[in-house]
Protein backbone atom coordinates (compact mmCIF):
# COMPACT_ATOMS: atom_id res chain seq x y z
CA MET A 1 0.00 0.00 0.00
CA THR A 2 1.45 3.35 -1.01
CA GLU A 3 1.62 6.34 1.29
CA LYS A 4 -1.17 8.06 -0.64
CA GLU A 5 -3.41 4.99 -0.30
CA MET A 6 -2.68 4.84 3.44
CA GLN A 7 -3.63 8.52 3.79
CA GLU A 8 -6.87 7.98 1.85
CA HIS A 9 -7.73 4.98 4.02
CA ALA A 10 -7.05 6.94 7.21
CA CYS A 11 -9.11 9.88 5.98
CA LYS A 12 -12.06 7.65 5.07
CA LYS A 13 -11.85 5.91 8.45
CA LEU A 14 -11.93 9.28 10.22
CA LEU A 15 -14.87 10.49 8.14
CA LYS A 16 -16.82 7.35 9.04
CA LYS A 17 -16.18 8.04 12.74
CA VAL A 18 -17.52 11.57 12.27
CA VAL A 19 -20.64 10.14 10.61
CA ASP A 20 -21.08 7.65 13.47
CA SER A 21 -20.94 10.43 16.04
CA GLY A 22 -23.62 12.50 14.25
CA GLN A 23 -26.47 12.56 16.74
CA ASN A 24 -28.96 14.01 14.25
CA TYR A 25 -28.33 11.35 11.61
CA THR A 26 -30.64 8.37 11.28
CA GLU A 27 -29.14 4.91 10.82
CA LYS A 28 -30.15 5.07 7.14
CA MET A 29 -28.31 8.36 6.71
CA LYS A 30 -25.22 6.98 8.42
CA SER A 31 -25.28 3.96 6.16
CA ASP A 32 -25.75 6.10 3.04
CA LEU A 33 -22.94 8.48 3.99
CA LYS A 34 -20.55 5.63 4.75
CA GLU A 35 -21.35 4.14 1.36
CA ILE A 36 -20.57 7.48 -0.29
CA ILE A 37 -17.26 7.59 1.57
CA ASP A 38 -16.37 4.02 0.59
CA HIS A 39 -17.17 4.39 -3.10
CA SER A 40 -15.67 7.83 -3.70
CA LYS A 41 -12.21 7.95 -5.20
CA SER A 42 -11.12 11.42 -4.03
CA PRO A 43 -11.90 13.97 -1.31
CA GLU A 44 -13.54 16.17 -3.95
CA GLU A 45 -15.82 13.32 -4.99
CA ILE A 46 -16.77 12.67 -1.35
CA CYS A 47 -17.59 16.34 -0.89
CA ARG A 48 -19.61 16.57 -4.09
CA ALA A 49 -21.58 13.38 -3.40
CA THR A 50 -22.27 14.41 0.19
CA LEU A 51 -23.53 17.82 -0.89
CA VAL A 52 -25.81 16.23 -3.47
CA TYR A 53 -27.08 13.74 -0.87
CA PHE A 54 -27.94 16.47 1.65
CA SER A 55 -29.52 18.69 -0.99
CA MET A 56 -31.90 15.85 -1.87
CA TYR A 57 -32.54 14.64 1.69
CA ARG A 58 -35.78 15.76 3.32
CA TRP A 59 -35.22 16.73 6.95
CA GLN A 60 -38.13 15.82 9.16
C-alpha cells in the first residue's frame, strides 16, 4: 500500500467516525454516507456526493 493509499484509508476511516458520532443522523443516513465515503475515489468526490445527498434529503 502506497503512502497516498494509506492517507486515503485513514481519511475515510476518520470520516466514518464523524458520521457515526452525528447525533442528528438516522441509521439510514449513516449507512448512506458511509457508502458514499467508501465508493468515492477522491476527497472532492466525497464532498460533491455528500452535498448532493444532503440537498436531496428531506429533513423531518
